Amino acid sequence: MIGPVQLGLTAVVFLIIYSMMSINGQSTVHDVIKTRNSERFVVDYDASNNYRRYPLIYSFSKPIPTNWQLTIQNNLSYLDLENAKTVVKIQEPPPSEKFIELAMFSEKTGKFWAAVNTKESGYIKVYEQDRDGWSRDQPIFVAHANNQGLTITNGKRIIVDKLSVNDFIVGSVSIYGKDEVNDANNTNGGTVSFNILFGNPAESPLYYMPLITIIAIGAIVLVLIIRKKRD
């Protein structure tokens, strides 16, 4: 027979699991593509409705050292709230306390911030703009390289340039949006996609996409010029 104590413990465990599921919803990661020098994945909108203590965490296949480029394409639909946001944390593998944090708020304000946390300096916001701080025109770009430091763009321009962080090894990316459990939801649709290139990116087919695009545009322009001259 199952005693009262066992029943009580079972109930407690169930409530804890149920609460975590309620807090984090049913966030999913999909369209994962891995190559020798790149890794890509897409996260559904409900990750932005996660409580900060229980974020969705995507761990890379292996730690990515020093030379890397991460693009973030935010295609989320935000609720019409000034504080609706998505927070992305790029973290080093444990036990390191180092991370890079980006916050992208709804179009209501367009607020954006970038922060860096290190054991030596603690948490420091290296960029913050309360209105029109980021854009969907281009992906958000975060990169680190030997002797170049950290570079971040906001979809419009470079906002952090060659910041020294004493190296950065990427271990995982976490996503959340709620500072408190009972906060309103932040998003109700869309996805956010991540694509990281590392090591020798020339070995990844994705590396050549910008070049292919430039060549294609150049060819179209050339054809139009030739046709115009003939006319």
C-alpha atoms as a PDB file:
ATOM      1  CA  MET A   1       0.000   0.000   0.000  1.00  0.00           C
ATOM      2  CA  ILE A   2       1.051   3.558  -0.692  1.00  0.00           C
ATOM      3  CA  GLY A   3       1.239   5.569   2.500  1.00  0.00           C
ATOM      4  CA  PRO A   4       0.150   9.185   3.017  1.00  0.00           C
ATOM      5  CA  VAL A   5       3.764  10.393   2.917  1.00  0.00           C
ATOM      6  CA  GLN A   6       4.390   8.791  -0.471  1.00  0.00           C
ATOM      7  CA  LEU A   7       1.138  10.203  -1.819  1.00  0.00           C
ATOM      8  CA  GLY A   8       2.116  13.622  -0.540  1.00  0.00           C
ATOM      9  CA  LEU A   9       5.548  13.473  -2.170  1.00  0.00           C
ATOM     10  CA  THR A  10       4.005  12.324  -5.447  1.00  0.00           C
ATOM     11  CA  ALA A  11       1.589  15.244  -5.369  1.00  0.00           C
ATOM     12  CA  VAL A  12       4.396  17.718  -4.674  1.00  0.00           C
ATOM     13  CA  VAL A  13       6.512  16.382  -7.561  1.00  0.00           C
ATOM     14  CA  PHE A  14       3.499  16.560  -9.880  1.00  0.00           C
ATOM     15  CA  LEU A  15       2.776  20.159  -8.885  1.00  0.00           C
ATOM     16  CA  ILE A  16       6.406  21.182  -9.455  1.00  0.00           C
ATOM     17  CA  ILE A  17       6.503  19.593 -12.913  1.00  0.00           C
ATOM     18  CA  TYR A  18       3.094  21.013 -13.815  1.00  0.00           C
ATOM     19  CA  SER A  19       4.110  24.481 -12.661  1.00  0.00           C
ATOM     20  CA  MET A  20       7.292  24.419 -14.758  1.00  0.00           C
ATOM     21  CA  MET A  21       5.280  23.288 -17.789  1.00  0.00           C
ATOM     22  CA  SER A  22       2.787  26.095 -17.197  1.00  0.00           C
ATOM     23  CA  ILE A  23       5.569  28.646 -16.824  1.00  0.00           C
ATOM     24  CA  ASN A  24       7.459  27.573 -19.913  1.00  0.00           C
ATOM     25  CA  GLY A  25       4.572  26.509 -22.120  1.00  0.00           C
ATOM     26  CA  GLN A  26       5.472  24.167 -24.961  1.00  0.00           C
ATOM     27  CA  SER A  27       8.456  25.936 -26.503  1.00  0.00           C
ATOM     28  CA  THR A  28      10.041  23.946 -29.282  1.00  0.00           C
ATOM     29  CA  VAL A  29      13.295  24.032 -31.217  1.00  0.00           C
ATOM     30  CA  HIS A  30      13.175  22.840 -34.819  1.00  0.00           C
ATOM     31  CA  ASP A  31      14.829  23.078 -38.234  1.00  0.00           C
ATOM     32  CA  VAL A  32      18.181  22.232 -36.676  1.00  0.00           C
ATOM     33  CA  ILE A  33      20.969  22.087 -39.272  1.00  0.00           C
ATOM     34  CA  LYS A  34      24.545  21.226 -38.314  1.00  0.00           C
ATOM     35  CA  THR A  35      27.634  21.308 -40.510  1.00  0.00           C
ATOM     36  CA  ARG A  36      31.325  21.142 -39.759  1.00  0.00           C
ATOM     37  CA  ASN A  37      31.551  24.904 -39.226  1.00  0.00           C
ATOM     38  CA  SER A  38      27.997  26.043 -38.600  1.00  0.00           C
ATOM     39  CA  GLU A  39      24.877  25.321 -36.606  1.00  0.00           C
ATOM     40  CA  ARG A  40      21.385  26.649 -37.210  1.00  0.00           C
ATOM     41  CA  PHE A  41      18.121  26.317 -35.278  1.00  0.00           C
ATOM     42  CA  VAL A  42      14.699  27.956 -35.015  1.00  0.00           C
ATOM     43  CA  VAL A  43      12.772  28.628 -31.803  1.00  0.00           C
ATOM     44  CA  ASP A  44       8.997  29.097 -31.561  1.00  0.00           C
ATOM     45  CA  TYR A  45       7.475  32.281 -30.155  1.00  0.00           C
ATOM     46  CA  ASP A  46       6.440  30.870 -26.785  1.00  0.00           C
ATOM     47  CA  ALA A  47      10.072  30.774 -25.629  1.00  0.00           C
ATOM     48  CA  SER A  48       9.660  34.539 -25.144  1.00  0.00           C
ATOM     49  CA  ASN A  49       6.897  33.801 -22.631  1.00  0.00           C
ATOM     50  CA  ASN A  50       9.219  31.784 -20.405  1.00  0.00           C
ATOM     51  CA  TYR A  51      10.066  32.948 -16.901  1.00  0.00           C
ATOM     52  CA  ARG A  52      13.683  34.122 -16.592  1.00  0.00           C
ATOM     53  CA  ARG A  53      14.572  31.361 -14.131  1.00  0.00           C
ATOM     54  CA  TYR A  54      13.315  28.687 -16.530  1.00  0.00           C
ATOM     55  CA  PRO A  55      14.409  29.854 -19.986  1.00  0.00           C
ATOM     56  CA  LEU A  56      14.482  27.721 -23.074  1.00  0.00           C
ATOM     57  CA  ILE A  57      18.108  26.604 -23.430  1.00  0.00           C
ATOM     58  CA  TYR A  58      19.715  25.378 -26.632  1.00  0.00           C
ATOM     59  CA  SER A  59      23.119  23.783 -26.044  1.00  0.00           C
ATOM     60  CA  PHE A  60      25.449  23.554 -29.009  1.00  0.00           C
ATOM     61  CA  SER A  61      26.909  20.197 -30.037  1.00  0.00           C
ATOM     62  CA  LYS A  62      30.287  21.262 -28.674  1.00  0.00           C
ATOM     63  CA  PRO A  63      31.759  24.485 -27.233  1.00  0.00           C
ATOM     64  CA  ILE A  64      32.526  27.033 -29.946  1.00  0.00           C
ATOM     65  CA  PRO A  65      35.806  28.843 -29.222  1.00  0.00           C
ATOM     66  CA  THR A  66      37.004  32.366 -29.991  1.00  0.00           C
ATOM     67  CA  ASN A  67      36.178  32.906 -33.683  1.00  0.00           C
ATOM     68  CA  TRP A  68      32.442  32.881 -34.364  1.00  0.00           C
ATOM     69  CA  GLN A  69      29.632  34.872 -35.964  1.00  0.00           C
ATOM     70  CA  LEU A  70      26.027  34.584 -34.786  1.00  0.00           C
ATOM     71  CA  THR A  71      23.054  36.020 -36.674  1.00  0.00           C
ATOM     72  CA  ILE A  72      19.646  36.335 -35.012  1.00  0.00           C
ATOM     73  CA  GLN A  73      16.558  36.816 -37.187  1.00  0.00           C
ATOM     74  CA  ASN A  74      13.637  38.005 -35.055  1.00  0.00           C
ATOM     75  CA  ASN A  75      10.320  37.241 -36.783  1.00  0.00           C
ATOM     76  CA  LEU A  76       8.234  37.285 -33.607  1.00  0.00           C
ATOM     77  CA  SER A  77       4.793  38.850 -33.253  1.00  0.00           C
ATOM     78  CA  TYR A  78       4.714  40.855 -30.033  1.00  0.00           C
ATOM     79  CA  LEU A  79       1.670  41.747 -27.980  1.00  0.00           C
ATOM     80  CA  ASP A  80       0.771  45.447 -28.000  1.00  0.00           C
ATOM     81  CA  LEU A  81       2.581  46.162 -24.737  1.00  0.00           C
ATOM     82  CA  GLU A  82       5.481  48.528 -24.078  1.00  0.00           C
ATOM     83  CA  ASN A  83       7.283  45.949 -21.937  1.00  0.00           C
ATOM     84  CA  ALA A  84       6.786  42.998 -24.296  1.00  0.00           C
ATOM     85  CA  LYS A  85      10.253  41.677 -25.034  1.00  0.00           C
ATOM     86  CA  THR A  86      12.530  38.788 -25.896  1.00  0.00           C
ATOM     87  CA  VAL A  87      15.801  38.291 -24.047  1.00  0.00           C
ATOM     88  CA  VAL A  88      18.601  36.234 -25.615  1.00  0.00           C
ATOM     89  CA  LYS A  89      21.613  35.143 -23.572  1.00  0.00           C
ATOM     90  CA  ILE A  90      24.692  33.740 -25.274  1.00  0.00           C
ATOM     91  CA  GLN A  91      26.478  31.816 -22.542  1.00  0.00           C
ATOM     92  CA  GLU A  92      29.847  30.218 -22.005  1.00  0.00           C
ATOM     93  CA  PRO A  93      29.850  26.592 -20.807  1.00  0.00           C
ATOM     94  CA  PRO A  94      29.590  26.089 -17.016  1.00  0.00           C
ATOM     95  CA  PRO A  95      31.106  26.898 -14.605  1.00  0.00           C
ATOM     96  CA  SER A  96      31.890  30.174 -16.421  1.00  0.00           C
ATOM     97  CA  GLU A  97      29.688  33.124 -15.424  1.00  0.00           C
ATOM     98  CA  LYS A  98      30.352  34.978 -18.674  1.00  0.00           C
ATOM     99  CA  PHE A  99      27.456  35.771 -20.993  1.00  0.00           C
ATOM    100  CA  ILE A 100      26.275  38.252 -23.621  1.00  0.00           C
ATOM    101  CA  GLU A 101      22.679  39.433 -23.286  1.00  0.00           C
ATOM    102  CA  LEU A 102      20.414  41.075 -25.861  1.00  0.00           C
ATOM    103  CA  ALA A 103      16.898  42.386 -25.202  1.00  0.00           C
ATOM    104  CA  MET A 104      14.553  43.160 -28.100  1.00  0.00           C
ATOM    105  CA  PHE A 105      11.319  44.938 -27.166  1.00  0.00           C
ATOM    106  CA  SER A 106       8.091  45.205 -29.164  1.00  0.00           C
ATOM    107  CA  GLU A 107       7.527  47.793 -31.883  1.00  0.00           C
ATOM    108  CA  LYS A 108       5.581  49.822 -29.313  1.00  0.00           C
ATOM    109  CA  THR A 109       8.933  51.243 -28.170  1.00  0.00           C
ATOM    110  CA  GLY A 110      11.607  49.348 -30.097  1.00  0.00           C
ATOM    111  CA  LYS A 111      13.760  49.377 -26.970  1.00  0.00           C
ATOM    112  CA  PHE A 112      16.996  47.413 -27.187  1.00  0.00           C
ATOM    113  CA  TRP A 113      19.913  46.712 -24.951  1.00  0.00           C
ATOM    114  CA  ALA A 114      23.120  44.707 -25.077  1.00  0.00           C
ATOM    115  CA  ALA A 115      24.963  43.652 -21.928  1.00  0.00           C
ATOM    116  CA  VAL A 116      28.012  41.625 -20.985  1.00  0.00           C
ATOM    117  CA  ASN A 117      28.531  39.748 -17.742  1.00  0.00           C
ATOM    118  CA  THR A 118      31.993  38.655 -16.586  1.00  0.00           C
ATOM    119  CA  LYS A 119      33.368  37.441 -13.290  1.00  0.00           C
ATOM    120  CA  GLU A 120      35.806  40.351 -13.162  1.00  0.00           C
ATOM    121  CA  SER A 121      33.456  43.240 -14.024  1.00  0.00           C
ATOM    122  CA  GLY A 122      29.996  41.885 -13.270  1.00  0.00           C
ATOM    123  CA  TYR A 123      26.933  42.803 -15.338  1.00  0.00           C
ATOM    124  CA  ILE A 124      27.379  45.872 -17.560  1.00  0.00           C
ATOM    125  CA  LYS A 125      25.034  47.228 -20.223  1.00  0.00           C
ATOM    126  CA  VAL A 126      27.286  48.210 -23.102  1.00  0.00           C
ATOM    127  CA  TYR A 127      24.441  49.670 -25.175  1.00  0.00           C
ATOM    128  CA  GLU A 128      20.881  50.802 -24.395  1.00  0.00           C
ATOM    129  CA  GLN A 129      18.342  52.687 -26.496  1.00  0.00           C
ATOM    130  CA  ASP A 130      14.819  53.292 -25.155  1.00  0.00           C
ATOM    131  CA  ARG A 131      13.184  53.925 -28.532  1.00  0.00           C
ATOM    132  CA  ASP A 132      13.847  52.597 -32.030  1.00  0.00           C
ATOM    133  CA  GLY A 133      16.858  50.731 -30.707  1.00  0.00           C
ATOM    134  CA  TRP A 134      16.707  47.853 -33.189  1.00  0.00           C
ATOM    135  CA  SER A 135      15.314  46.937 -36.590  1.00  0.00           C
ATOM    136  CA  ARG A 136      14.096  43.877 -38.471  1.00  0.00           C
ATOM    137  CA  ASP A 137      15.592  45.225 -41.718  1.00  0.00           C
ATOM    138  CA  GLN A 138      18.689  43.091 -41.162  1.00  0.00           C
ATOM    139  CA  PRO A 139      19.445  40.275 -38.686  1.00  0.00           C
ATOM    140  CA  ILE A 140      21.003  41.072 -35.336  1.00  0.00           C
ATOM    141  CA  PHE A 141      24.701  40.206 -35.626  1.00  0.00           C
ATOM    142  CA  VAL A 142      27.004  39.173 -32.762  1.00  0.00           C
ATOM    143  CA  ALA A 143      30.609  38.181 -33.447  1.00  0.00           C
ATOM    144  CA  HIS A 144      33.864  37.544 -31.643  1.00  0.00           C
ATOM    145  CA  ALA A 145      37.338  37.037 -33.096  1.00  0.00           C
ATOM    146  CA  ASN A 146      40.986  36.887 -32.107  1.00  0.00           C
ATOM    147  CA  ASN A 147      42.442  40.373 -31.621  1.00  0.00           C
ATOM    148  CA  GLN A 148      39.089  41.868 -32.682  1.00  0.00           C
ATOM    149  CA  GLY A 149      36.982  41.417 -29.569  1.00  0.00           C
ATOM    150  CA  LEU A 150      33.183  41.555 -29.542  1.00  0.00           C
ATOM    151  CA  THR A 151      31.055  43.227 -32.214  1.00  0.00           C
ATOM    152  CA  ILE A 152      27.256  43.636 -32.106  1.00  0.00           C
ATOM    153  CA  THR A 153      24.778  45.171 -34.555  1.00  0.00           C
ATOM    154  CA  ASN A 154      21.116  46.064 -33.954  1.00  0.00           C
ATOM    155  CA  GLY A 155      19.794  45.370 -37.448  1.00  0.00           C
ATOM    156  CA  LYS A 156      20.689  48.917 -38.541  1.00  0.00           C
ATOM    157  CA  ARG A 157      24.285  49.605 -37.593  1.00  0.00           C
ATOM    158  CA  ILE A 158      27.196  48.542 -35.396  1.00  0.00           C
ATOM    159  CA  ILE A 159      26.468  49.415 -31.757  1.00  0.00           C
ATOM    160  CA  VAL A 160      29.380  47.613 -30.072  1.00  0.00           C
ATOM    161  CA  ASP A 161      32.697  47.536 -31.898  1.00  0.00           C
ATOM    162  CA  LYS A 162      35.757  45.451 -30.982  1.00  0.00           C
ATOM    163  CA  LEU A 163      34.970  45.303 -27.266  1.00  0.00           C
ATOM    164  CA  SER A 164      37.555  43.288 -25.330  1.00  0.00           C
ATOM    165  CA  VAL A 165      35.960  40.519 -23.262  1.00  0.00           C
ATOM    166  CA  ASN A 166      39.097  38.388 -22.851  1.00  0.00           C
ATOM    167  CA  ASP A 167      37.893  35.699 -25.247  1.00  0.00           C
ATOM    168  CA  PHE A 168      34.429  34.149 -25.435  1.00  0.00           C
ATOM    169  CA  ILE A 169      33.549  30.475 -25.869  1.00  0.00           C
ATOM    170  CA  VAL A 170      29.931  29.844 -26.887  1.00  0.00           C
ATOM    171  CA  GLY A 171      28.267  26.980 -25.048  1.00  0.00           C
ATOM    172  CA  SER A 172      24.543  27.681 -25.284  1.00  0.00           C
ATOM    173  CA  VAL A 173      21.817  30.186 -26.083  1.00  0.00           C
ATOM    174  CA  SER A 174      18.885  30.783 -23.744  1.00  0.00           C
ATOM    175  CA  ILE A 175      15.655  32.657 -24.462  1.00  0.00           C
ATOM    176  CA  TYR A 176      13.017  34.085 -22.134  1.00  0.00           C
ATOM    177  CA  GLY A 177      10.870  37.191 -21.735  1.00  0.00           C
ATOM    178  CA  LYS A 178       9.191  37.254 -18.327  1.00  0.00           C
ATOM    179  CA  ASP A 179      10.965  38.837 -15.370  1.00  0.00           C
ATOM    180  CA  GLU A 180       8.248  37.580 -12.999  1.00  0.00           C
ATOM    181  CA  VAL A 181       6.144  34.416 -13.213  1.00  0.00           C
ATOM    182  CA  ASN A 182       2.836  36.313 -13.369  1.00  0.00           C
ATOM    183  CA  ASP A 183       3.918  38.840 -16.001  1.00  0.00           C
ATOM    184  CA  ALA A 184       1.809  39.100 -19.145  1.00  0.00           C
ATOM    185  CA  ASN A 185       2.871  37.113 -22.185  1.00  0.00           C
ATOM    186  CA  ASN A 186       5.235  38.850 -24.592  1.00  0.00           C
ATOM    187  CA  THR A 187       4.574  37.163 -27.922  1.00  0.00           C
ATOM    188  CA  ASN A 188       1.737  35.330 -29.658  1.00  0.00           C
ATOM    189  CA  GLY A 189       3.273  34.121 -32.897  1.00  0.00           C
ATOM    190  CA  GLY A 190       6.307  33.810 -35.132  1.00  0.00           C
ATOM    191  CA  THR A 191       9.799  32.447 -34.619  1.00  0.00           C
ATOM    192  CA  VAL A 192      13.340  33.558 -33.926  1.00  0.00           C
ATOM    193  CA  SER A 193      16.138  31.859 -35.842  1.00  0.00           C
ATOM    194  CA  PHE A 194      19.805  31.522 -34.955  1.00  0.00           C
ATOM    195  CA  ASN A 195      22.714  30.743 -37.250  1.00  0.00           C
ATOM    196  CA  ILE A 196      26.299  30.542 -36.021  1.00  0.00           C
ATOM    197  CA  LEU A 197      29.444  30.203 -38.148  1.00  0.00           C
ATOM    198  CA  PHE A 198      32.696  29.266 -36.461  1.00  0.00           C
ATOM    199  CA  GLY A 199      36.240  28.031 -36.974  1.00  0.00           C
ATOM    200  CA  ASN A 200      37.084  28.308 -40.660  1.00  0.00           C
ATOM    201  CA  PRO A 201      33.702  29.431 -42.056  1.00  0.00           C
ATOM    202  CA  ALA A 202      34.895  29.027 -45.638  1.00  0.00           C
ATOM    203  CA  GLU A 203      34.336  25.290 -45.139  1.00  0.00           C
ATOM    204  CA  SER A 204      30.608  25.913 -44.593  1.00  0.00           C
ATOM    205  CA  PRO A 205      28.316  26.320 -47.643  1.00  0.00           C
ATOM    206  CA  LEU A 206      26.520  29.117 -45.765  1.00  0.00           C
ATOM    207  CA  TYR A 207      29.710  31.158 -45.919  1.00  0.00           C
ATOM    208  CA  TYR A 208      29.273  31.678 -49.641  1.00  0.00           C
ATOM    209  CA  MET A 209      25.677  32.913 -49.517  1.00  0.00           C
ATOM    210  CA  PRO A 210      26.575  36.633 -49.334  1.00  0.00           C
ATOM    211  CA  LEU A 211      28.961  36.228 -52.294  1.00  0.00           C
ATOM    212  CA  ILE A 212      26.319  34.358 -54.303  1.00  0.00           C
ATOM    213  CA  THR A 213      23.785  37.092 -53.550  1.00  0.00           C
ATOM    214  CA  ILE A 214      26.188  39.840 -54.661  1.00  0.00           C
ATOM    215  CA  ILE A 215      27.001  37.996 -57.904  1.00  0.00           C
ATOM    216  CA  ALA A 216      23.294  37.435 -58.621  1.00  0.00           C
ATOM    217  CA  ILE A 217      22.428  41.100 -58.044  1.00  0.00           C
ATOM    218  CA  GLY A 218      25.388  42.169 -60.199  1.00  0.00           C
ATOM    219  CA  ALA A 219      24.243  39.893 -63.021  1.00  0.00           C
ATOM    220  CA  ILE A 220      20.701  41.315 -62.896  1.00  0.00           C
ATOM    221  CA  VAL A 221      21.998  44.897 -62.972  1.00  0.00           C
ATOM    222  CA  LEU A 222      24.288  44.062 -65.919  1.00  0.00           C
ATOM    223  CA  VAL A 223      21.406  42.522 -67.890  1.00  0.00           C
ATOM    224  CA  LEU A 224      19.223  45.581 -67.243  1.00  0.00           C
ATOM    225  CA  ILE A 225      22.005  47.935 -68.393  1.00  0.00           C
ATOM    226  CA  ILE A 226      22.552  45.931 -71.603  1.00  0.00           C
ATOM    227  CA  ARG A 227      18.809  45.901 -72.362  1.00  0.00           C
ATOM    228  CA  LYS A 228      18.562  49.634 -71.724  1.00  0.00           C
ATOM    229  CA  LYS A 229      21.429  50.318 -74.162  1.00  0.00           C
ATOM    230  CA  ARG A 230      19.753  48.174 -76.823  1.00  0.00           C
ATOM    231  CA  ASP A 231      16.487  50.059 -76.391  1.00  0.00           C
END
